[in-house]
């Protein structure tokens, strides 16, 4: 049975990922605090927010994504693995790359780029106009 309330395969993947990064359970300092935000009485009464500290690297992760403490423990370990991979392997964080992608998409087109796009649309319109049925 899995330690966290997720499928055994998902738990196994996380454990393998942490093992590959050299994270041991003994290196982790886990504490629980009360969450904030939506969740009603559960959030006010139960300490579901997980604060996970990795001793050797000094990374601290705080997770209150779910209403259950077990799932938050799982998510905190996943976030810790993401941060460690980013630091150790030099991988760009998925969140950072997604933010950069959105910024590029929202960026205004240059004048030349806009002219080229409009020219292509005009040419395409002429091609389609040439296909129209000839009026009798």
N, C-alpha and C. Protein backbone atom coordinates (compact mmCIF):
# COMPACT_ATOMS: atom_id res chain seq x y z
N UNK A 1 0.84 -1.19 0.00
CA UNK A 1 0.00 0.00 0.00
C UNK A 1 0.88 1.25 0.00
N UNK A 2 0.43 2.26 -0.71
CA UNK A 2 1.17 3.51 -0.84
C UNK A 2 1.09 4.34 0.44
N UNK A 3 2.12 5.12 0.70
CA UNK A 3 2.15 6.00 1.86
C UNK A 3 1.18 7.16 1.66
N UNK A 4 1.04 7.60 0.42
CA UNK A 4 0.18 8.74 0.09
C UNK A 4 -1.09 8.26 -0.60
N UNK A 5 -2.16 9.05 -0.54
CA UNK A 5 -3.42 8.63 -1.15
C UNK A 5 -3.43 8.86 -2.68
N UNK A 6 -2.45 8.27 -3.34
CA UNK A 6 -2.38 8.31 -4.81
C UNK A 6 -2.17 6.88 -5.28
N UNK A 7 -2.22 6.67 -6.57
CA UNK A 7 -2.05 5.32 -7.09
C UNK A 7 -0.63 4.84 -6.79
N UNK A 8 -0.45 3.54 -6.61
CA UNK A 8 0.89 3.00 -6.31
C UNK A 8 1.91 3.34 -7.39
N UNK A 9 1.48 3.39 -8.65
CA UNK A 9 2.41 3.71 -9.74
C UNK A 9 2.93 5.13 -9.61
N UNK A 10 2.02 6.06 -9.28
CA UNK A 10 2.40 7.47 -9.12
C UNK A 10 3.35 7.62 -7.94
N UNK A 11 3.06 6.95 -6.84
CA UNK A 11 3.92 7.00 -5.66
C UNK A 11 5.29 6.42 -5.98
N UNK A 12 5.31 5.33 -6.73
CA UNK A 12 6.57 4.68 -7.10
C UNK A 12 7.42 5.59 -7.97
N UNK A 13 6.78 6.28 -8.92
CA UNK A 13 7.52 7.21 -9.79
C UNK A 13 8.15 8.33 -8.97
N UNK A 14 7.40 8.86 -8.00
CA UNK A 14 7.92 9.93 -7.16
C UNK A 14 9.10 9.43 -6.32
N UNK A 15 8.96 8.25 -5.74
CA UNK A 15 10.04 7.70 -4.92
C UNK A 15 11.30 7.47 -5.74
N UNK A 16 11.14 6.98 -6.97
CA UNK A 16 12.29 6.77 -7.85
C UNK A 16 12.94 8.10 -8.22
N UNK A 17 12.11 9.10 -8.46
CA UNK A 17 12.61 10.42 -8.82
C UNK A 17 13.42 11.03 -7.67
N UNK A 18 12.88 10.91 -6.44
CA UNK A 18 13.59 11.43 -5.27
C UNK A 18 14.89 10.65 -5.04
N UNK A 19 14.85 9.34 -5.27
CA UNK A 19 16.04 8.51 -5.08
C UNK A 19 17.12 8.90 -6.08
N UNK A 20 16.71 9.19 -7.33
CA UNK A 20 17.67 9.60 -8.36
C UNK A 20 18.32 10.94 -8.02
N UNK A 21 17.57 11.80 -7.33
CA UNK A 21 18.10 13.10 -6.93
C UNK A 21 18.90 13.02 -5.63
N UNK A 22 18.91 11.85 -5.00
CA UNK A 22 19.67 11.67 -3.77
C UNK A 22 18.97 12.19 -2.53
N UNK A 23 17.65 12.24 -2.56
CA UNK A 23 16.88 12.72 -1.41
C UNK A 23 16.45 11.51 -0.58
N UNK A 24 16.82 11.55 0.70
CA UNK A 24 16.40 10.48 1.61
C UNK A 24 15.36 11.05 2.56
N UNK A 25 14.53 10.17 3.10
CA UNK A 25 13.52 10.62 4.06
C UNK A 25 14.16 11.23 5.31
N UNK A 26 15.35 10.76 5.64
CA UNK A 26 16.05 11.29 6.82
C UNK A 26 16.48 12.75 6.60
N UNK A 27 16.66 13.15 5.34
CA UNK A 27 17.08 14.52 5.01
C UNK A 27 15.91 15.51 5.08
N UNK A 28 14.69 14.99 5.10
CA UNK A 28 13.52 15.85 5.05
C UNK A 28 12.98 16.17 6.44
N UNK A 29 12.71 17.43 6.66
CA UNK A 29 12.09 17.87 7.90
C UNK A 29 10.68 18.33 7.54
N UNK A 30 9.69 17.64 8.06
CA UNK A 30 8.30 17.89 7.67
C UNK A 30 7.54 18.46 8.86
N UNK A 31 6.81 19.57 8.60
CA UNK A 31 5.96 20.12 9.65
C UNK A 31 4.61 20.47 9.05
N UNK A 32 3.61 20.57 9.90
CA UNK A 32 2.25 20.81 9.44
C UNK A 32 1.70 22.05 10.12
N UNK A 33 1.09 22.92 9.32
CA UNK A 33 0.47 24.12 9.86
C UNK A 33 -0.92 24.25 9.27
N UNK A 34 -1.70 25.18 9.80
CA UNK A 34 -3.05 25.37 9.28
C UNK A 34 -2.98 26.09 7.94
N UNK A 35 -3.81 25.65 7.02
CA UNK A 35 -3.87 26.26 5.70
C UNK A 35 -4.67 27.54 5.76
N UNK A 36 -4.69 28.24 4.65
CA UNK A 36 -5.53 29.43 4.53
C UNK A 36 -6.31 29.30 3.24
N UNK A 37 -7.29 30.13 3.07
CA UNK A 37 -8.08 30.12 1.84
C UNK A 37 -9.28 29.22 1.93
N UNK A 38 -9.84 28.83 0.77
CA UNK A 38 -11.07 28.04 0.76
C UNK A 38 -10.85 26.65 1.35
N UNK A 39 -11.91 26.08 1.88
CA UNK A 39 -11.83 24.76 2.46
C UNK A 39 -12.74 24.64 3.66
N UNK A 40 -13.24 25.77 4.13
CA UNK A 40 -14.23 25.78 5.20
C UNK A 40 -13.69 25.29 6.52
N UNK A 41 -14.53 24.56 7.24
CA UNK A 41 -14.21 24.12 8.58
C UNK A 41 -12.97 23.23 8.61
N UNK A 42 -12.79 22.44 7.58
CA UNK A 42 -11.63 21.55 7.51
C UNK A 42 -10.34 22.34 7.60
N UNK A 43 -10.26 23.44 6.85
CA UNK A 43 -9.06 24.27 6.83
C UNK A 43 -8.85 24.94 8.18
N UNK A 44 -9.92 25.34 8.83
CA UNK A 44 -9.79 26.05 10.10
C UNK A 44 -9.41 25.13 11.27
N UNK A 45 -9.79 23.86 11.20
CA UNK A 45 -9.57 22.95 12.32
C UNK A 45 -8.32 22.09 12.18
N UNK A 46 -8.02 21.67 10.96
CA UNK A 46 -6.98 20.66 10.75
C UNK A 46 -5.74 21.29 10.12
N UNK A 47 -4.58 20.88 10.57
CA UNK A 47 -3.32 21.39 10.00
C UNK A 47 -3.00 20.61 8.73
N UNK A 48 -3.51 21.08 7.60
CA UNK A 48 -3.33 20.36 6.35
C UNK A 48 -2.20 20.91 5.50
N UNK A 49 -1.71 22.09 5.80
CA UNK A 49 -0.62 22.67 5.03
C UNK A 49 0.69 21.99 5.43
N UNK A 50 1.49 21.60 4.45
CA UNK A 50 2.73 20.88 4.70
C UNK A 50 3.91 21.79 4.37
N UNK A 51 4.84 21.89 5.31
CA UNK A 51 6.09 22.62 5.09
C UNK A 51 7.20 21.58 5.11
N UNK A 52 7.90 21.48 3.99
CA UNK A 52 8.92 20.45 3.82
C UNK A 52 10.27 21.13 3.63
N UNK A 53 11.22 20.78 4.47
CA UNK A 53 12.56 21.37 4.36
C UNK A 53 13.56 20.27 4.06
N UNK A 54 14.37 20.49 3.02
CA UNK A 54 15.43 19.55 2.66
C UNK A 54 16.71 20.07 3.29
N UNK A 55 17.22 19.34 4.28
CA UNK A 55 18.37 19.78 5.04
C UNK A 55 19.62 20.09 4.23
N UNK A 56 20.12 19.15 3.42
CA UNK A 56 21.37 19.40 2.70
C UNK A 56 21.34 20.61 1.75
N UNK A 57 20.23 20.82 1.07
CA UNK A 57 20.17 21.93 0.12
C UNK A 57 19.58 23.19 0.73
N UNK A 58 18.84 23.05 1.83
CA UNK A 58 18.22 24.21 2.45
C UNK A 58 16.94 24.67 1.77
N UNK A 59 16.45 23.89 0.80
CA UNK A 59 15.21 24.24 0.11
C UNK A 59 14.01 24.02 1.03
N UNK A 60 13.08 24.97 0.98
CA UNK A 60 11.85 24.86 1.76
C UNK A 60 10.67 24.95 0.81
N UNK A 61 9.75 24.01 0.93
CA UNK A 61 8.56 23.97 0.09
C UNK A 61 7.34 24.00 1.00
N UNK A 62 6.36 24.81 0.62
CA UNK A 62 5.11 24.90 1.39
C UNK A 62 3.98 24.55 0.44
N UNK A 63 3.12 23.61 0.84
CA UNK A 63 2.05 23.16 -0.05
C UNK A 63 0.73 23.11 0.69
N UNK A 64 -0.28 23.78 0.15
CA UNK A 64 -1.64 23.72 0.67
C UNK A 64 -2.63 23.60 -0.49
N UNK A 65 -2.19 22.82 -1.48
CA UNK A 65 -2.96 22.69 -2.72
C UNK A 65 -4.28 21.95 -2.51
N UNK A 66 -4.26 20.95 -1.68
CA UNK A 66 -5.44 20.11 -1.46
C UNK A 66 -5.97 20.28 -0.05
N UNK A 67 -7.16 19.74 0.20
CA UNK A 67 -7.75 19.82 1.54
C UNK A 67 -7.23 18.72 2.47
N UNK A 68 -6.64 17.67 1.91
CA UNK A 68 -6.16 16.58 2.75
C UNK A 68 -4.65 16.69 2.97
N UNK A 69 -4.25 16.34 4.16
CA UNK A 69 -2.84 16.43 4.53
C UNK A 69 -2.01 15.43 3.73
N UNK A 70 -2.56 14.24 3.52
CA UNK A 70 -1.83 13.21 2.78
C UNK A 70 -1.48 13.64 1.37
N UNK A 71 -2.45 14.21 0.67
CA UNK A 71 -2.17 14.67 -0.69
C UNK A 71 -1.20 15.84 -0.69
N UNK A 72 -1.30 16.72 0.29
CA UNK A 72 -0.36 17.83 0.38
C UNK A 72 1.05 17.35 0.65
N UNK A 73 1.21 16.27 1.39
CA UNK A 73 2.53 15.69 1.62
C UNK A 73 3.11 15.20 0.29
N UNK A 74 2.27 14.56 -0.52
CA UNK A 74 2.71 14.08 -1.83
C UNK A 74 3.12 15.25 -2.72
N UNK A 75 2.25 16.27 -2.80
CA UNK A 75 2.53 17.43 -3.66
C UNK A 75 3.77 18.18 -3.20
N UNK A 76 3.99 18.27 -1.89
CA UNK A 76 5.17 18.96 -1.39
C UNK A 76 6.44 18.24 -1.85
N UNK A 77 6.43 16.92 -1.80
CA UNK A 77 7.60 16.16 -2.26
C UNK A 77 7.81 16.34 -3.76
N UNK A 78 6.72 16.41 -4.48
CA UNK A 78 6.83 16.63 -5.93
C UNK A 78 7.41 18.01 -6.25
N UNK A 79 6.94 19.03 -5.53
CA UNK A 79 7.48 20.38 -5.71
C UNK A 79 8.96 20.43 -5.34
N UNK A 80 9.32 19.73 -4.27
CA UNK A 80 10.72 19.69 -3.86
C UNK A 80 11.58 19.03 -4.95
N UNK A 81 11.07 17.96 -5.53
CA UNK A 81 11.81 17.28 -6.61
C UNK A 81 11.98 18.22 -7.81
N UNK A 82 10.93 18.98 -8.14
CA UNK A 82 11.02 19.93 -9.25
C UNK A 82 12.10 20.98 -8.99
N UNK A 83 12.10 21.53 -7.77
CA UNK A 83 13.08 22.56 -7.43
C UNK A 83 14.49 22.01 -7.42
N UNK A 84 14.66 20.80 -6.91
CA UNK A 84 15.99 20.20 -6.88
C UNK A 84 16.49 19.90 -8.29
N UNK A 85 15.61 19.40 -9.15
CA UNK A 85 16.00 19.15 -10.54
C UNK A 85 16.41 20.44 -11.21
N UNK A 86 15.66 21.48 -10.95
CA UNK A 86 15.98 22.78 -11.54
C UNK A 86 17.35 23.25 -11.08
N UNK A 87 17.63 23.05 -9.80
CA UNK A 87 18.90 23.51 -9.25
C UNK A 87 20.05 22.61 -9.67
N UNK A 88 19.88 21.30 -9.54
CA UNK A 88 20.97 20.35 -9.81
C UNK A 88 21.22 20.18 -11.30
N UNK A 89 20.18 19.89 -12.03
CA UNK A 89 20.33 19.58 -13.45
C UNK A 89 20.28 20.81 -14.35
N UNK A 90 19.94 21.96 -13.77
CA UNK A 90 19.89 23.18 -14.57
C UNK A 90 18.71 23.22 -15.52
N UNK A 91 17.70 22.42 -15.25
CA UNK A 91 16.51 22.43 -16.11
C UNK A 91 15.69 23.67 -15.83
N UNK A 92 15.13 24.22 -16.89
CA UNK A 92 14.24 25.37 -16.71
C UNK A 92 12.94 24.87 -16.11
N UNK A 93 12.47 25.58 -15.15
CA UNK A 93 11.23 25.20 -14.49
C UNK A 93 10.08 25.26 -15.49
N UNK A 94 9.15 24.33 -15.36
CA UNK A 94 7.99 24.30 -16.25
C UNK A 94 7.16 25.57 -16.10
N UNK A 95 7.04 26.06 -14.88
CA UNK A 95 6.26 27.27 -14.64
C UNK A 95 6.91 28.48 -15.29
N UNK A 96 8.23 28.57 -15.19
CA UNK A 96 8.94 29.71 -15.78
C UNK A 96 8.84 29.66 -17.30
N UNK A 97 9.03 28.48 -17.88
CA UNK A 97 8.96 28.38 -19.34
C UNK A 97 7.54 28.66 -19.84
N UNK A 98 6.53 28.26 -19.06
CA UNK A 98 5.14 28.54 -19.44
C UNK A 98 4.87 30.04 -19.38
N UNK A 99 5.40 30.71 -18.37
CA UNK A 99 5.21 32.16 -18.25
C UNK A 99 5.90 32.89 -19.41
N UNK A 100 7.09 32.43 -19.79
CA UNK A 100 7.79 33.05 -20.91
C UNK A 100 7.02 32.84 -22.22
N UNK A 101 6.44 31.64 -22.37
CA UNK A 101 5.67 31.35 -23.58
C UNK A 101 4.46 32.27 -23.68
N UNK A 102 3.75 32.46 -22.56
CA UNK A 102 2.60 33.37 -22.54
C UNK A 102 3.02 34.80 -22.86
N UNK A 103 4.17 35.21 -22.32
CA UNK A 103 4.66 36.57 -22.57
C UNK A 103 4.95 36.76 -24.06
N UNK A 104 5.56 35.75 -24.68
CA UNK A 104 5.85 35.85 -26.12
C UNK A 104 4.56 35.89 -26.94
N UNK A 105 3.56 35.10 -26.53
CA UNK A 105 2.30 35.06 -27.28
C UNK A 105 1.57 36.39 -27.19
N UNK A 106 1.64 37.04 -26.05
CA UNK A 106 0.91 38.29 -25.86
C UNK A 106 1.66 39.50 -26.41
N UNK A 107 2.92 39.31 -26.72
CA UNK A 107 3.73 40.42 -27.20
C UNK A 107 3.17 40.96 -28.51
N UNK A 108 3.26 42.26 -28.67
CA UNK A 108 2.76 42.89 -29.88
C UNK A 108 3.64 42.57 -31.06
N UNK A 109 3.04 42.37 -32.21
CA UNK A 109 3.83 42.06 -33.40
C UNK A 109 4.57 43.30 -33.87
N UNK A 110 5.71 43.06 -34.51
CA UNK A 110 6.44 44.18 -35.08
C UNK A 110 5.68 44.66 -36.32
N UNK A 111 5.94 45.88 -36.71
CA UNK A 111 5.25 46.46 -37.88
C UNK A 111 5.51 45.63 -39.13
N UNK A 112 6.77 45.22 -39.32
CA UNK A 112 7.12 44.43 -40.51
C UNK A 112 6.41 43.07 -40.48
N UNK A 113 6.37 42.45 -39.34
CA UNK A 113 5.71 41.16 -39.21
C UNK A 113 4.22 41.28 -39.53
N UNK A 114 3.61 42.33 -39.04
CA UNK A 114 2.19 42.54 -39.30
C UNK A 114 1.94 42.78 -40.79
N UNK A 115 2.82 43.55 -41.43
CA UNK A 115 2.67 43.80 -42.88
C UNK A 115 2.78 42.50 -43.66
N UNK A 116 3.75 41.65 -43.31
CA UNK A 116 3.91 40.37 -44.00
C UNK A 116 2.68 39.49 -43.82
N UNK A 117 2.13 39.46 -42.62
CA UNK A 117 0.95 38.65 -42.35
C UNK A 117 -0.23 39.14 -43.18
N UNK A 118 -0.43 40.45 -43.21
CA UNK A 118 -1.55 41.01 -43.96
C UNK A 118 -1.38 40.81 -45.46
N UNK A 119 -0.12 40.88 -45.92
CA UNK A 119 0.15 40.63 -47.35
C UNK A 119 -0.19 39.19 -47.70
N UNK A 120 0.16 38.25 -46.84
CA UNK A 120 -0.17 36.85 -47.07
C UNK A 120 -1.67 36.63 -47.09
N UNK A 121 -2.39 37.30 -46.21
CA UNK A 121 -3.85 37.18 -46.19
C UNK A 121 -4.46 37.75 -47.47
N UNK A 122 -3.91 38.88 -47.94
CA UNK A 122 -4.43 39.49 -49.17
C UNK A 122 -4.21 38.56 -50.36
N UNK A 123 -3.02 37.96 -50.44
CA UNK A 123 -2.73 37.03 -51.54
C UNK A 123 -3.64 35.81 -51.48
N UNK A 124 -3.87 35.31 -50.30
CA UNK A 124 -4.75 34.15 -50.15
C UNK A 124 -6.17 34.50 -50.57
N UNK A 125 -6.62 35.71 -50.23
CA UNK A 125 -7.94 36.17 -50.65
C UNK A 125 -8.07 36.25 -52.16
N UNK A 126 -6.99 36.68 -52.84
CA UNK A 126 -7.01 36.75 -54.30
C UNK A 126 -7.10 35.36 -54.90
N UNK A 127 -6.38 34.40 -54.32
CA UNK A 127 -6.43 33.02 -54.81
C UNK A 127 -7.84 32.47 -54.67
N UNK A 128 -8.47 32.71 -53.51
CA UNK A 128 -9.83 32.22 -53.29
C UNK A 128 -10.83 32.93 -54.19
N UNK A 129 -10.59 34.21 -54.43
CA UNK A 129 -11.49 34.96 -55.32
C UNK A 129 -11.42 34.41 -56.74
N UNK A 130 -10.23 33.91 -57.14
CA UNK A 130 -10.07 33.34 -58.47
C UNK A 130 -10.81 32.02 -58.63
N UNK A 131 -11.19 31.39 -57.58
CA UNK A 131 -11.91 30.11 -57.64
C UNK A 131 -13.42 30.29 -57.72
N UNK A 132 -13.90 31.50 -57.53
CA UNK A 132 -15.35 31.72 -57.52
C UNK A 132 -15.97 31.34 -58.87
N UNK A 133 -17.22 30.96 -58.79
CA UNK A 133 -17.94 30.62 -60.03
C UNK A 133 -18.15 31.90 -60.83
N UNK A 134 -18.00 31.77 -62.13
CA UNK A 134 -18.16 32.92 -63.02
C UNK A 134 -19.65 33.18 -63.19
N UNK A 135 -20.05 34.43 -63.03
CA UNK A 135 -21.45 34.79 -63.15
C UNK A 135 -21.85 34.74 -64.62
N UNK A 136 -23.05 34.20 -64.96
CA UNK A 136 -23.47 34.07 -66.36
C UNK A 136 -23.87 35.40 -66.98
